[in-house]
């Protein structure tokens, strides 16, 4: 850990005190077994469900390409025909414990995987190959800084989010890796304190790039947070909240849908309704001229 990042992390503890009252109420709600029903943010128009596919595998995340829909459970990747919804294949391994999300790259589905809730943390990326319907380990992280919950790419670089929970969820960190690999770190970013307070003791369950902004999902609220990297004058180690958007996914991992069922150039998404055990395709709920700046 660099001294600069350590200083930023110290600052995070100081700023976190401003949210201790809110966080305390959230923790009391969790301790009593009752979860708040929604985010504290006023959500703007975001996405609405356009199609659902019920499957018991829809418990952690979903992804899609031009031919297939994918449901991800803790231990299994399930592949469905996009047109008919028929289950075509499933894949797992004896060592698969906790898959979290999936990101399609070069025709393969890269899934975040960890040993959550066990400690010390163990995290790796597992890859599902639709051509062979096989699941294998792609990369194992040495001494990961948390439980890997999502891994995505932008401009040739990997971005990986390592989560913490409960009173430690402010330690959730997004790491940008250097070009072409997963061993050299370029930058680290913490999440805004207002998001940490809204996480309800949980963390950022899913994330994807949408242009030059990040869409990040909650663990169980139907909301997507739009975040930006810090700009001039911003604290260098903190992501910045742009807006909170409604979505039909009550949390968990989601992905960009590259073959929307409706026309247009706006971003379509695929995620899950975990309580309903369904893959959910989502269309933007705004007119093109009203689309938010990205």
Foldseek 3Di string as FASTA:
>chain_A
DDPLVVVVVVVLVVVLVVLVVLLVVLVVCVVVVHHDAAFPADADFWKEFDDKAFDLQQAAKWDDAPFWIWHHHQFKIWIAGPVPRHTDAMEGDPPRGGWHAWDDDPQKTKTWGWNPPDDPIWIFIWIAHPVVRYIDTDGTDDSDQAGWQDWYDDPQWIKTWHADFAPCRQSIKIWIADHPDDHHTDAIATEDSSVVSRLSRTYFREWDDDDQWIWTWHAFHQKTWTWHQDDPPDSNRYIHTDGIHGHPARHHYKYWYPDDPDDDDDTKIWIGNNVRRIITTIDGPDDPVPDDDD
